[in-house]
C-alpha cells in the first residue's frame, strides 16, 4: 500500500468495534427521531456524568429538549455526528435561552426542592 492509499476496514461481527458501531447507529436513530419530531434539526451538548456515563442533551428546533445517557463520550459524539445534529462543546447561552420547558419540568423541579415525591 502506498502512502496515499486508504482502506476501510469493516469490523468483525461480534468484535468490540462492531458492538460500538451498533450502539452509535442505535443512538443516532434515537437522536434523528427526536429531531424529526421537533422541527427537523437541533443541537446537542455532551456532558460528563461519571466514569461510565455521558449525557447527551438535545434541543430541537422548536425548543423542546430531551436527553439520553450513554456509555462514553466517544460513542455520544459519534452518534451526534452520525445523526447530523450540531454538536456544542459547552452549553452556549443562546442554546439555553432557546430551551422550552413545560409544566411537567417545573412541577418536578419544585417537587424535588420542596421534598415532594419523585416521579
PDB file of N, CA and C in Angstrom:
ATOM      1  N   UNK A   1       0.856  -1.169   0.000  1.00  0.00           N
ATOM      2  CA  UNK A   1       0.000   0.000   0.000  1.00  0.00           C
ATOM      3  C   UNK A   1       0.899   1.227   0.000  1.00  0.00           C
ATOM      4  N   UNK A   2       0.533   2.221  -0.801  1.00  0.00           N
ATOM      5  CA  UNK A   2       1.303   3.456  -0.851  1.00  0.00           C
ATOM      6  C   UNK A   2       0.810   4.394   0.230  1.00  0.00           C
ATOM      7  N   UNK A   3       1.534   5.498   0.404  1.00  0.00           N
ATOM      8  CA  UNK A   3       1.158   6.469   1.428  1.00  0.00           C
ATOM      9  C   UNK A   3      -0.194   7.120   1.145  1.00  0.00           C
ATOM     10  N   UNK A   4      -0.604   7.146  -0.109  1.00  0.00           N
ATOM     11  CA  UNK A   4      -1.854   7.820  -0.443  1.00  0.00           C
ATOM     12  C   UNK A   4      -3.056   6.882  -0.418  1.00  0.00           C
ATOM     13  N   UNK A   5      -2.866   5.593  -0.286  1.00  0.00           N
ATOM     14  CA  UNK A   5      -3.976   4.653  -0.258  1.00  0.00           C
ATOM     15  C   UNK A   5      -4.567   4.572   1.146  1.00  0.00           C
ATOM     16  N   UNK A   6      -5.853   4.402   1.192  1.00  0.00           N
ATOM     17  CA  UNK A   6      -6.509   4.180   2.470  1.00  0.00           C
ATOM     18  C   UNK A   6      -7.403   2.954   2.346  1.00  0.00           C
ATOM     19  N   UNK A   7      -7.665   2.336   3.449  1.00  0.00           N
ATOM     20  CA  UNK A   7      -8.578   1.202   3.449  1.00  0.00           C
ATOM     21  C   UNK A   7      -9.665   1.464   4.480  1.00  0.00           C
ATOM     22  N   UNK A   8     -10.807   0.903   4.234  1.00  0.00           N
ATOM     23  CA  UNK A   8     -11.892   0.982   5.188  1.00  0.00           C
ATOM     24  C   UNK A   8     -12.146  -0.426   5.675  1.00  0.00           C
ATOM     25  N   UNK A   9     -11.808  -0.659   6.916  1.00  0.00           N
ATOM     26  CA  UNK A   9     -11.989  -1.986   7.488  1.00  0.00           C
ATOM     27  C   UNK A   9     -13.392  -2.101   8.067  1.00  0.00           C
ATOM     28  N   UNK A  10     -14.035  -3.207   7.784  1.00  0.00           N
ATOM     29  CA  UNK A  10     -15.333  -3.493   8.368  1.00  0.00           C
ATOM     30  C   UNK A  10     -15.096  -4.297   9.630  1.00  0.00           C
ATOM     31  N   UNK A  11     -15.631  -3.851  10.753  1.00  0.00           N
ATOM     32  CA  UNK A  11     -15.407  -4.599  11.988  1.00  0.00           C
ATOM     33  C   UNK A  11     -15.948  -6.011  11.885  1.00  0.00           C
ATOM     34  N   UNK A  12     -15.246  -6.931  12.454  1.00  0.00           N
ATOM     35  CA  UNK A  12     -15.643  -8.328  12.506  1.00  0.00           C
ATOM     36  C   UNK A  12     -16.905  -8.454  13.362  1.00  0.00           C
ATOM     37  N   UNK A  13     -17.946  -9.176  12.883  1.00  0.00           N
ATOM     38  CA  UNK A  13     -19.159  -9.321  13.707  1.00  0.00           C
ATOM     39  C   UNK A  13     -18.808  -9.875  15.087  1.00  0.00           C
ATOM     40  N   UNK A  14     -19.387  -9.265  16.111  1.00  0.00           N
ATOM     41  CA  UNK A  14     -19.126  -9.709  17.474  1.00  0.00           C
ATOM     42  C   UNK A  14     -17.906  -9.065  18.112  1.00  0.00           C
ATOM     43  N   UNK A  15     -17.133  -8.319  17.326  1.00  0.00           N
ATOM     44  CA  UNK A  15     -15.947  -7.669  17.866  1.00  0.00           C
ATOM     45  C   UNK A  15     -16.366  -6.428  18.653  1.00  0.00           C
ATOM     46  N   UNK A  16     -15.495  -5.945  19.539  1.00  0.00           N
ATOM     47  CA  UNK A  16     -15.833  -4.713  20.280  1.00  0.00           C
ATOM     48  C   UNK A  16     -16.148  -3.545  19.341  1.00  0.00           C
ATOM     49  N   UNK A  17     -15.412  -3.431  18.228  1.00  0.00           N
ATOM     50  CA  UNK A  17     -15.672  -2.341  17.281  1.00  0.00           C
ATOM     51  C   UNK A  17     -17.061  -2.454  16.668  1.00  0.00           C
ATOM     52  N   UNK A  18     -17.485  -3.685  16.357  1.00  0.00           N
ATOM     53  CA  UNK A  18     -18.817  -3.885  15.773  1.00  0.00           C
ATOM     54  C   UNK A  18     -19.897  -3.529  16.783  1.00  0.00           C
ATOM     55  N   UNK A  19     -19.681  -3.859  18.054  1.00  0.00           N
ATOM     56  CA  UNK A  19     -20.659  -3.516  19.094  1.00  0.00           C
ATOM     57  C   UNK A  19     -20.761  -2.006  19.254  1.00  0.00           C
ATOM     58  N   UNK A  20     -19.636  -1.323  19.216  1.00  0.00           N
ATOM     59  CA  UNK A  20     -19.642   0.140  19.327  1.00  0.00           C
ATOM     60  C   UNK A  20     -20.378   0.745  18.135  1.00  0.00           C
ATOM     61  N   UNK A  21     -20.125   0.239  16.937  1.00  0.00           N
ATOM     62  CA  UNK A  21     -20.816   0.752  15.738  1.00  0.00           C
ATOM     63  C   UNK A  21     -22.320   0.572  15.857  1.00  0.00           C
ATOM     64  N   UNK A  22     -22.769  -0.577  16.364  1.00  0.00           N
ATOM     65  CA  UNK A  22     -24.200  -0.808  16.552  1.00  0.00           C
ATOM     66  C   UNK A  22     -24.776   0.180  17.563  1.00  0.00           C
ATOM     67  N   UNK A  23     -24.047   0.425  18.647  1.00  0.00           N
ATOM     68  CA  UNK A  23     -24.508   1.393  19.645  1.00  0.00           C
ATOM     69  C   UNK A  23     -24.620   2.787  19.038  1.00  0.00           C
ATOM     70  N   UNK A  24     -23.612   3.190  18.270  1.00  0.00           N
ATOM     71  CA  UNK A  24     -23.626   4.509  17.629  1.00  0.00           C
ATOM     72  C   UNK A  24     -24.829   4.624  16.693  1.00  0.00           C
ATOM     73  N   UNK A  25     -25.077   3.593  15.890  1.00  0.00           N
ATOM     74  CA  UNK A  25     -26.226   3.630  14.965  1.00  0.00           C
ATOM     75  C   UNK A  25     -27.550   3.717  15.723  1.00  0.00           C
ATOM     76  N   UNK A  26     -27.678   2.932  16.797  1.00  0.00           N
ATOM     77  CA  UNK A  26     -28.916   2.909  17.579  1.00  0.00           C
ATOM     78  C   UNK A  26     -29.170   4.273  18.226  1.00  0.00           C
ATOM     79  N   UNK A  27     -28.148   4.851  18.820  1.00  0.00           N
ATOM     80  CA  UNK A  27     -28.292   6.154  19.475  1.00  0.00           C
ATOM     81  C   UNK A  27     -28.569   7.244  18.442  1.00  0.00           C
ATOM     82  N   UNK A  28     -27.894   7.179  17.297  1.00  0.00           N
ATOM     83  CA  UNK A  28     -28.128   8.154  16.222  1.00  0.00           C
ATOM     84  C   UNK A  28     -29.577   8.102  15.754  1.00  0.00           C
ATOM     85  N   UNK A  29     -30.163   6.909  15.685  1.00  0.00           N
ATOM     86  CA  UNK A  29     -31.572   6.793  15.286  1.00  0.00           C
ATOM     87  C   UNK A  29     -32.488   7.453  16.310  1.00  0.00           C
ATOM     88  N   UNK A  30     -32.183   7.297  17.595  1.00  0.00           N
ATOM     89  CA  UNK A  30     -32.972   7.969  18.637  1.00  0.00           C
ATOM     90  C   UNK A  30     -32.888   9.492  18.456  1.00  0.00           C
ATOM     91  N   UNK A  31     -31.677   9.974  18.211  1.00  0.00           N
ATOM     92  CA  UNK A  31     -31.475  11.416  18.011  1.00  0.00           C
ATOM     93  C   UNK A  31     -32.247  11.888  16.784  1.00  0.00           C
ATOM     94  N   UNK A  32     -32.179  11.136  15.694  1.00  0.00           N
ATOM     95  CA  UNK A  32     -32.881  11.503  14.463  1.00  0.00           C
ATOM     96  C   UNK A  32     -34.395  11.541  14.669  1.00  0.00           C
ATOM     97  N   UNK A  33     -34.925  10.579  15.430  1.00  0.00           N
ATOM     98  CA  UNK A  33     -36.373  10.584  15.711  1.00  0.00           C
ATOM     99  C   UNK A  33     -36.761  11.809  16.532  1.00  0.00           C
ATOM    100  N   UNK A  34     -35.934  12.145  17.516  1.00  0.00           N
ATOM    101  CA  UNK A  34     -36.215  13.323  18.340  1.00  0.00           C
ATOM    102  C   UNK A  34     -36.217  14.580  17.487  1.00  0.00           C
ATOM    103  N   UNK A  35     -35.174  14.766  16.685  1.00  0.00           N
ATOM    104  CA  UNK A  35     -35.090  15.993  15.891  1.00  0.00           C
ATOM    105  C   UNK A  35     -36.206  16.061  14.851  1.00  0.00           C
ATOM    106  N   UNK A  36     -36.583  14.929  14.277  1.00  0.00           N
ATOM    107  CA  UNK A  36     -37.682  14.919  13.308  1.00  0.00           C
ATOM    108  C   UNK A  36     -38.995  15.352  13.955  1.00  0.00           C
ATOM    109  N   UNK A  37     -39.183  14.949  15.200  1.00  0.00           N
ATOM    110  CA  UNK A  37     -40.418  15.297  15.912  1.00  0.00           C
ATOM    111  C   UNK A  37     -40.427  16.734  16.421  1.00  0.00           C
ATOM    112  N   UNK A  38     -39.262  17.386  16.402  1.00  0.00           N
ATOM    113  CA  UNK A  38     -39.167  18.731  16.982  1.00  0.00           C
ATOM    114  C   UNK A  38     -38.535  19.745  16.040  1.00  0.00           C
ATOM    115  N   UNK A  39     -39.011  19.745  14.813  1.00  0.00           N
ATOM    116  CA  UNK A  39     -38.621  20.795  13.886  1.00  0.00           C
ATOM    117  C   UNK A  39     -37.601  20.407  12.838  1.00  0.00           C
ATOM    118  N   UNK A  40     -37.116  19.176  12.865  1.00  0.00           N
ATOM    119  CA  UNK A  40     -36.226  18.702  11.817  1.00  0.00           C
ATOM    120  C   UNK A  40     -34.761  19.044  11.975  1.00  0.00           C
ATOM    121  N   UNK A  41     -34.381  19.648  13.027  1.00  0.00           N
ATOM    122  CA  UNK A  41     -32.974  19.949  13.268  1.00  0.00           C
ATOM    123  C   UNK A  41     -32.739  20.034  14.751  1.00  0.00           C
ATOM    124  N   UNK A  42     -31.549  20.388  15.114  1.00  0.00           N
ATOM    125  CA  UNK A  42     -31.319  20.530  16.536  1.00  0.00           C
ATOM    126  C   UNK A  42     -29.870  20.700  16.902  1.00  0.00           C
ATOM    127  N   UNK A  43     -29.667  20.787  18.185  1.00  0.00           N
ATOM    128  CA  UNK A  43     -28.341  20.974  18.758  1.00  0.00           C
ATOM    129  C   UNK A  43     -28.144  19.931  19.853  1.00  0.00           C
ATOM    130  N   UNK A  44     -26.894  19.622  20.120  1.00  0.00           N
ATOM    131  CA  UNK A  44     -26.584  18.663  21.175  1.00  0.00           C
ATOM    132  C   UNK A  44     -25.366  19.118  21.963  1.00  0.00           C
ATOM    133  N   UNK A  45     -25.389  18.797  23.244  1.00  0.00           N
ATOM    134  CA  UNK A  45     -24.262  19.051  24.133  1.00  0.00           C
ATOM    135  C   UNK A  45     -23.974  17.739  24.846  1.00  0.00           C
ATOM    136  N   UNK A  46     -22.698  17.390  24.949  1.00  0.00           N
ATOM    137  CA  UNK A  46     -22.296  16.175  25.646  1.00  0.00           C
ATOM    138  C   UNK A  46     -21.779  16.578  27.019  1.00  0.00           C
ATOM    139  N   UNK A  47     -22.356  15.980  28.057  1.00  0.00           N
ATOM    140  CA  UNK A  47     -21.971  16.320  29.421  1.00  0.00           C
ATOM    141  C   UNK A  47     -21.437  15.090  30.144  1.00  0.00           C
ATOM    142  N   UNK A  48     -20.393  15.285  30.917  1.00  0.00           N
ATOM    143  CA  UNK A  48     -19.816  14.224  31.735  1.00  0.00           C
ATOM    144  C   UNK A  48     -20.741  13.947  32.908  1.00  0.00           C
ATOM    145  N   UNK A  49     -21.079  12.673  33.111  1.00  0.00           N
ATOM    146  CA  UNK A  49     -21.906  12.283  34.249  1.00  0.00           C
ATOM    147  C   UNK A  49     -21.071  11.508  35.263  1.00  0.00           C
ATOM    148  N   UNK A  50     -20.254  10.615  34.771  1.00  0.00           N
ATOM    149  CA  UNK A  50     -19.416   9.799  35.638  1.00  0.00           C
ATOM    150  C   UNK A  50     -18.490   8.952  34.801  1.00  0.00           C
ATOM    151  N   UNK A  51     -17.745   8.116  35.465  1.00  0.00           N
ATOM    152  CA  UNK A  51     -16.746   7.290  34.783  1.00  0.00           C
ATOM    153  C   UNK A  51     -17.340   6.494  33.628  1.00  0.00           C
ATOM    154  N   UNK A  52     -18.527   5.948  33.824  1.00  0.00           N
ATOM    155  CA  UNK A  52     -19.138   5.097  32.806  1.00  0.00           C
ATOM    156  C   UNK A  52     -20.421   5.674  32.231  1.00  0.00           C
ATOM    157  N   UNK A  53     -20.569   6.995  32.274  1.00  0.00           N
ATOM    158  CA  UNK A  53     -21.804   7.587  31.766  1.00  0.00           C
ATOM    159  C   UNK A  53     -21.563   8.991  31.224  1.00  0.00           C
ATOM    160  N   UNK A  54     -22.181   9.231  30.085  1.00  0.00           N
ATOM    161  CA  UNK A  54     -22.140  10.539  29.433  1.00  0.00           C
ATOM    162  C   UNK A  54     -23.567  10.885  29.031  1.00  0.00           C
ATOM    163  N   UNK A  55     -23.947  12.113  29.211  1.00  0.00           N
ATOM    164  CA  UNK A  55     -25.305  12.558  28.905  1.00  0.00           C
ATOM    165  C   UNK A  55     -25.305  13.388  27.638  1.00  0.00           C
ATOM    166  N   UNK A  56     -26.184  13.028  26.715  1.00  0.00           N
ATOM    167  CA  UNK A  56     -26.418  13.823  25.514  1.00  0.00           C
ATOM    168  C   UNK A  56     -27.665  14.658  25.789  1.00  0.00           C
ATOM    169  N   UNK A  57     -27.529  15.978  25.751  1.00  0.00           N
ATOM    170  CA  UNK A  57     -28.685  16.869  25.897  1.00  0.00           C
ATOM    171  C   UNK A  57     -29.019  17.366  24.492  1.00  0.00           C
ATOM    172  N   UNK A  58     -30.247  17.132  24.074  1.00  0.00           N
ATOM    173  CA  UNK A  58     -30.707  17.537  22.752  1.00  0.00           C
ATOM    174  C   UNK A  58     -31.692  18.687  22.883  1.00  0.00           C
ATOM    175  N   UNK A  59     -31.585  19.643  21.980  1.00  0.00           N
ATOM    176  CA  UNK A  59     -32.544  20.740  21.907  1.00  0.00           C
ATOM    177  C   UNK A  59     -33.030  20.805  20.463  1.00  0.00           C
ATOM    178  N   UNK A  60     -34.324  20.580  20.284  1.00  0.00           N
ATOM    179  CA  UNK A  60     -34.906  20.614  18.952  1.00  0.00           C
ATOM    180  C   UNK A  60     -35.052  22.031  18.439  1.00  0.00           C
ATOM    181  N   UNK A  61     -35.324  22.158  17.157  1.00  0.00           N
ATOM    182  CA  UNK A  61     -35.522  23.459  16.533  1.00  0.00           C
ATOM    183  C   UNK A  61     -36.655  24.221  17.205  1.00  0.00           C
ATOM    184  N   UNK A  62     -37.661  23.485  17.696  1.00  0.00           N
ATOM    185  CA  UNK A  62     -38.804  24.127  18.345  1.00  0.00           C
ATOM    186  C   UNK A  62     -38.568  24.443  19.823  1.00  0.00           C
ATOM    187  N   UNK A  63     -37.372  24.154  20.337  1.00  0.00           N
ATOM    188  CA  UNK A  63     -37.053  24.447  21.731  1.00  0.00           C
ATOM    189  C   UNK A  63     -37.292  23.301  22.690  1.00  0.00           C
ATOM    190  N   UNK A  64     -37.942  22.237  22.227  1.00  0.00           N
ATOM    191  CA  UNK A  64     -38.141  21.061  23.079  1.00  0.00           C
ATOM    192  C   UNK A  64     -36.784  20.443  23.375  1.00  0.00           C
ATOM    193  N   UNK A  65     -36.662  19.855  24.555  1.00  0.00           N
ATOM    194  CA  UNK A  65     -35.376  19.245  24.888  1.00  0.00           C
ATOM    195  C   UNK A  65     -35.585  17.834  25.407  1.00  0.00           C
ATOM    196  N   UNK A  66     -34.543  17.069  25.304  1.00  0.00           N
ATOM    197  CA  UNK A  66     -34.547  15.705  25.797  1.00  0.00           C
ATOM    198  C   UNK A  66     -33.108  15.309  26.079  1.00  0.00           C
ATOM    199  N   UNK A  67     -32.938  14.187  26.707  1.00  0.00           N
ATOM    200  CA  UNK A  67     -31.584  13.730  26.963  1.00  0.00           C
ATOM    201  C   UNK A  67     -31.511  12.220  26.905  1.00  0.00           C
ATOM    202  N   UNK A  68     -30.307  11.746  26.789  1.00  0.00           N
ATOM    203  CA  UNK A  68     -30.053  10.313  26.768  1.00  0.00           C
ATOM    204  C   UNK A  68     -28.685  10.078  27.390  1.00  0.00           C
ATOM    205  N   UNK A  69     -28.596   9.089  28.256  1.00  0.00           N
ATOM    206  CA  UNK A  69     -27.324   8.740  28.874  1.00  0.00           C
ATOM    207  C   UNK A  69     -26.742   7.549  28.119  1.00  0.00           C
ATOM    208  N   UNK A  70     -25.481   7.683  27.740  1.00  0.00           N
ATOM    209  CA  UNK A  70     -24.794   6.630  27.005  1.00  0.00           C
ATOM    210  C   UNK A  70     -23.506   6.263  27.725  1.00  0.00           C
ATOM    211  N   UNK A  71     -22.844   5.235  27.219  1.00  0.00           N
ATOM    212  CA  UNK A  71     -21.686   4.670  27.913  1.00  0.00           C
ATOM    213  C   UNK A  71     -20.485   5.590  28.002  1.00  0.00           C
ATOM    214  N   UNK A  72     -20.146   6.254  26.904  1.00  0.00           N
ATOM    215  CA  UNK A  72     -18.965   7.118  26.968  1.00  0.00           C
ATOM    216  C   UNK A  72     -19.045   8.260  25.967  1.00  0.00           C
ATOM    217  N   UNK A  73     -18.146   9.199  26.138  1.00  0.00           N
ATOM    218  CA  UNK A  73     -18.119  10.426  25.337  1.00  0.00           C
ATOM    219  C   UNK A  73     -17.895  10.149  23.847  1.00  0.00           C
ATOM    220  N   UNK A  74     -17.019   9.209  23.516  1.00  0.00           N
ATOM    221  CA  UNK A  74     -16.736   8.918  22.109  1.00  0.00           C
ATOM    222  C   UNK A  74     -17.980   8.397  21.389  1.00  0.00           C
ATOM    223  N   UNK A  75     -18.711   7.506  22.042  1.00  0.00           N
ATOM    224  CA  UNK A  75     -19.947   6.980  21.456  1.00  0.00           C
ATOM    225  C   UNK A  75     -20.962   8.102  21.297  1.00  0.00           C
ATOM    226  N   UNK A  76     -21.092   8.950  22.300  1.00  0.00           N
ATOM    227  CA  UNK A  76     -22.036  10.067  22.241  1.00  0.00           C
ATOM    228  C   UNK A  76     -21.696  10.992  21.079  1.00  0.00           C
ATOM    229  N   UNK A  77     -20.460  11.382  20.974  1.00  0.00           N
ATOM    230  CA  UNK A  77     -20.035  12.307  19.917  1.00  0.00           C
ATOM    231  C   UNK A  77     -20.237  11.687  18.534  1.00  0.00           C
ATOM    232  N   UNK A  78     -19.889  10.420  18.384  1.00  0.00           N
ATOM    233  CA  UNK A  78     -20.046   9.740  17.091  1.00  0.00           C
ATOM    234  C   UNK A  78     -21.517   9.662  16.692  1.00  0.00           C
ATOM    235  N   UNK A  79     -22.397   9.380  17.643  1.00  0.00           N
ATOM    236  CA  UNK A  79     -23.835   9.289  17.347  1.00  0.00           C
ATOM    237  C   UNK A  79     -24.391  10.647  16.939  1.00  0.00           C
ATOM    238  N   UNK A  80     -23.962  11.694  17.605  1.00  0.00           N
ATOM    239  CA  UNK A  80     -24.425  13.046  17.274  1.00  0.00           C
ATOM    240  C   UNK A  80     -23.997  13.416  15.858  1.00  0.00           C
ATOM    241  N   UNK A  81     -22.750  13.152  15.535  1.00  0.00           N
ATOM    242  CA  UNK A  81     -22.245  13.448  14.189  1.00  0.00           C
ATOM    243  C   UNK A  81     -23.007  12.631  13.155  1.00  0.00           C
ATOM    244  N   UNK A  82     -23.210  11.341  13.435  1.00  0.00           N
ATOM    245  CA  UNK A  82     -23.928  10.469  12.502  1.00  0.00           C
ATOM    246  C   UNK A  82     -25.358  10.956  12.274  1.00  0.00           C
ATOM    247  N   UNK A  83     -25.985  11.494  13.328  1.00  0.00           N
ATOM    248  CA  UNK A  83     -27.363  11.991  13.213  1.00  0.00           C
ATOM    249  C   UNK A  83     -27.432  13.350  12.530  1.00  0.00           C
ATOM    250  N   UNK A  84     -26.304  14.004  12.344  1.00  0.00           N
ATOM    251  CA  UNK A  84     -26.287  15.295  11.655  1.00  0.00           C
ATOM    252  C   UNK A  84     -26.752  16.463  12.502  1.00  0.00           C
ATOM    253  N   UNK A  85     -26.608  16.328  13.811  1.00  0.00           N
ATOM    254  CA  UNK A  85     -27.026  17.384  14.730  1.00  0.00           C
ATOM    255  C   UNK A  85     -25.803  18.236  15.073  1.00  0.00           C
ATOM    256  N   UNK A  86     -26.012  19.533  15.295  1.00  0.00           N
ATOM    257  CA  UNK A  86     -24.916  20.424  15.656  1.00  0.00           C
ATOM    258  C   UNK A  86     -24.422  20.090  17.056  1.00  0.00           C
ATOM    259  N   UNK A  87     -23.148  19.825  17.184  1.00  0.00           N
ATOM    260  CA  UNK A  87     -22.539  19.480  18.465  1.00  0.00           C
ATOM    261  C   UNK A  87     -21.850  20.696  19.050  1.00  0.00           C
ATOM    262  N   UNK A  88     -22.171  21.006  20.304  1.00  0.00           N
ATOM    263  CA  UNK A  88     -21.535  22.103  21.025  1.00  0.00           C
ATOM    264  C   UNK A  88     -20.649  21.519  22.111  1.00  0.00           C
ATOM    265  N   UNK A  89     -19.487  22.105  22.292  1.00  0.00           N
ATOM    266  CA  UNK A  89     -18.561  21.652  23.332  1.00  0.00           C
ATOM    267  C   UNK A  89     -19.054  22.045  24.720  1.00  0.00           C
ATOM    268  N   UNK A  90     -19.743  23.163  24.805  1.00  0.00           N
ATOM    269  CA  UNK A  90     -20.327  23.648  26.049  1.00  0.00           C
ATOM    270  C   UNK A  90     -21.761  24.052  25.753  1.00  0.00           C
ATOM    271  N   UNK A  91     -22.541  24.292  26.794  1.00  0.00           N
ATOM    272  CA  UNK A  91     -23.930  24.696  26.617  1.00  0.00           C
ATOM    273  C   UNK A  91     -23.958  26.210  26.443  1.00  0.00           C
ATOM    274  N   UNK A  92     -24.017  26.703  25.186  1.00  0.00           N
ATOM    275  CA  UNK A  92     -23.970  28.156  24.971  1.00  0.00           C
ATOM    276  C   UNK A  92     -25.237  28.843  25.467  1.00  0.00           C
ATOM    277  N   UNK A  93     -25.106  30.091  25.869  1.00  0.00           N
ATOM    278  CA  UNK A  93     -26.242  30.864  26.371  1.00  0.00           C
ATOM    279  C   UNK A  93     -27.387  30.921  25.366  1.00  0.00           C
ATOM    280  N   UNK A  94     -27.067  31.062  24.082  1.00  0.00           N
ATOM    281  CA  UNK A  94     -28.104  31.147  23.056  1.00  0.00           C
ATOM    282  C   UNK A  94     -28.931  29.870  23.008  1.00  0.00           C
ATOM    283  N   UNK A  95     -28.280  28.745  23.215  1.00  0.00           N
ATOM    284  CA  UNK A  95     -28.993  27.467  23.209  1.00  0.00           C
ATOM    285  C   UNK A  95     -29.851  27.331  24.469  1.00  0.00           C
ATOM    286  N   UNK A  96     -29.303  27.713  25.599  1.00  0.00           N
ATOM    287  CA  UNK A  96     -30.057  27.650  26.857  1.00  0.00           C
ATOM    288  C   UNK A  96     -31.308  28.529  26.770  1.00  0.00           C
ATOM    289  N   UNK A  97     -31.191  29.686  26.145  1.00  0.00           N
ATOM    290  CA  UNK A  97     -32.328  30.597  26.010  1.00  0.00           C
ATOM    291  C   UNK A  97     -33.411  30.006  25.103  1.00  0.00           C
ATOM    292  N   UNK A  98     -33.029  29.111  24.228  1.00  0.00           N
ATOM    293  CA  UNK A  98     -33.949  28.502  23.279  1.00  0.00           C
ATOM    294  C   UNK A  98     -34.766  27.366  23.904  1.00  0.00           C
ATOM    295  N   UNK A  99     -34.270  26.778  24.989  1.00  0.00           N
ATOM    296  CA  UNK A  99     -34.920  25.626  25.618  1.00  0.00           C
ATOM    297  C   UNK A  99     -36.295  26.015  26.148  1.00  0.00           C
ATOM    298  N   UNK A 100     -37.273  25.210  25.793  1.00  0.00           N
ATOM    299  CA  UNK A 100     -38.659  25.431  26.214  1.00  0.00           C
ATOM    300  C   UNK A 100     -39.019  24.351  27.227  1.00  0.00           C
ATOM    301  N   UNK A 101     -39.258  24.755  28.447  1.00  0.00           N
ATOM    302  CA  UNK A 101     -39.666  23.792  29.466  1.00  0.00           C
ATOM    303  C   UNK A 101     -41.179  23.781  29.577  1.00  0.00           C
ATOM    304  N   UNK A 102     -41.693  22.677  30.056  1.00  0.00           N
ATOM    305  CA  UNK A 102     -43.143  22.533  30.202  1.00  0.00           C
ATOM    306  C   UNK A 102     -43.517  22.567  31.679  1.00  0.00           C
ATOM    307  N   UNK A 103     -44.788  22.525  31.949  1.00  0.00           N
ATOM    308  CA  UNK A 103     -45.268  22.494  33.321  1.00  0.00           C
ATOM    309  C   UNK A 103     -44.728  21.269  34.063  1.00  0.00           C
ATOM    310  N   UNK A 104     -44.562  20.171  33.338  1.00  0.00           N
ATOM    311  CA  UNK A 104     -44.036  18.950  33.956  1.00  0.00           C
ATOM    312  C   UNK A 104     -42.669  19.195  34.588  1.00  0.00           C
ATOM    313  N   UNK A 105     -41.747  19.812  33.833  1.00  0.00           N
ATOM    314  CA  UNK A 105     -40.410  20.060  34.373  1.00  0.00           C
ATOM    315  C   UNK A 105     -40.460  20.983  35.579  1.00  0.00           C
ATOM    316  N   UNK A 106     -41.272  22.050  35.489  1.00  0.00           N
ATOM    317  CA  UNK A 106     -41.356  22.990  36.601  1.00  0.00           C
ATOM    318  C   UNK A 106     -41.931  22.328  37.844  1.00  0.00           C
ATOM    319  N   UNK A 107     -42.970  21.524  37.693  1.00  0.00           N
ATOM    320  CA  UNK A 107     -43.563  20.868  38.869  1.00  0.00           C
ATOM    321  C   UNK A 107     -42.615  19.823  39.434  1.00  0.00           C
ATOM    322  N   UNK A 108     -41.903  19.131  38.583  1.00  0.00           N
ATOM    323  CA  UNK A 108     -40.952  18.120  39.055  1.00  0.00           C
ATOM    324  C   UNK A 108     -39.801  18.787  39.806  1.00  0.00           C
ATOM    325  N   UNK A 109     -39.268  19.870  39.252  1.00  0.00           N
ATOM    326  CA  UNK A 109     -38.180  20.577  39.934  1.00  0.00           C
ATOM    327  C   UNK A 109     -38.644  21.116  41.278  1.00  0.00           C
ATOM    328  N   UNK A 110     -39.809  21.734  41.315  1.00  0.00           N
ATOM    329  CA  UNK A 110     -40.317  22.291  42.569  1.00  0.00           C
ATOM    330  C   UNK A 110     -40.597  21.179  43.573  1.00  0.00           C
ATOM    331  N   UNK A 111     -41.155  20.073  43.096  1.00  0.00           N
ATOM    332  CA  UNK A 111     -41.437  18.953  43.994  1.00  0.00           C
ATOM    333  C   UNK A 111     -40.171  18.398  44.631  1.00  0.00           C
ATOM    334  N   UNK A 112     -39.100  18.312  43.867  1.00  0.00           N
ATOM    335  CA  UNK A 112     -37.850  17.786  44.403  1.00  0.00           C
ATOM    336  C   UNK A 112     -37.264  18.765  45.400  1.00  0.00           C
ATOM    337  N   UNK A 113     -37.346  20.041  45.122  1.00  0.00           N
ATOM    338  CA  UNK A 113     -36.794  21.047  46.026  1.00  0.00           C
ATOM    339  C   UNK A 113     -37.585  21.144  47.313  1.00  0.00           C
ATOM    340  N   UNK A 114     -38.890  20.907  47.220  1.00  0.00           N
ATOM    341  CA  UNK A 114     -39.739  21.043  48.406  1.00  0.00           C
ATOM    342  C   UNK A 114     -39.952  19.713  49.119  1.00  0.00           C
ATOM    343  N   UNK A 115     -39.205  18.675  48.700  1.00  0.00           N
ATOM    344  CA  UNK A 115     -39.326  17.378  49.354  1.00  0.00           C
ATOM    345  C   UNK A 115     -40.502  16.571  48.844  1.00  0.00           C
ATOM    346  N   UNK A 116     -41.025  16.935  47.681  1.00  0.00           N
ATOM    347  CA  UNK A 116     -42.157  16.217  47.103  1.00  0.00           C
ATOM    348  C   UNK A 116     -41.752  14.869  46.539  1.00  0.00           C
ATOM    349  N   UNK A 117     -42.739  14.161  46.075  1.00  0.00           N
ATOM    350  CA  UNK A 117     -42.491  12.829  45.510  1.00  0.00           C
ATOM    351  C   UNK A 117     -41.700  12.921  44.231  1.00  0.00           C
ATOM    352  N   UNK A 118     -40.854  11.930  44.016  1.00  0.00           N
ATOM    353  CA  UNK A 118     -40.059  11.856  42.791  1.00  0.00           C
ATOM    354  C   UNK A 118     -40.769  10.916  41.844  1.00  0.00           C
ATOM    355  N   UNK A 119     -41.336  11.443  40.805  1.00  0.00           N
ATOM    356  CA  UNK A 119     -41.931  10.530  39.854  1.00  0.00           C
ATOM    357  C   UNK A 119     -43.213  10.970  39.402  1.00  0.00           C
TER     358      UNK A 119
END
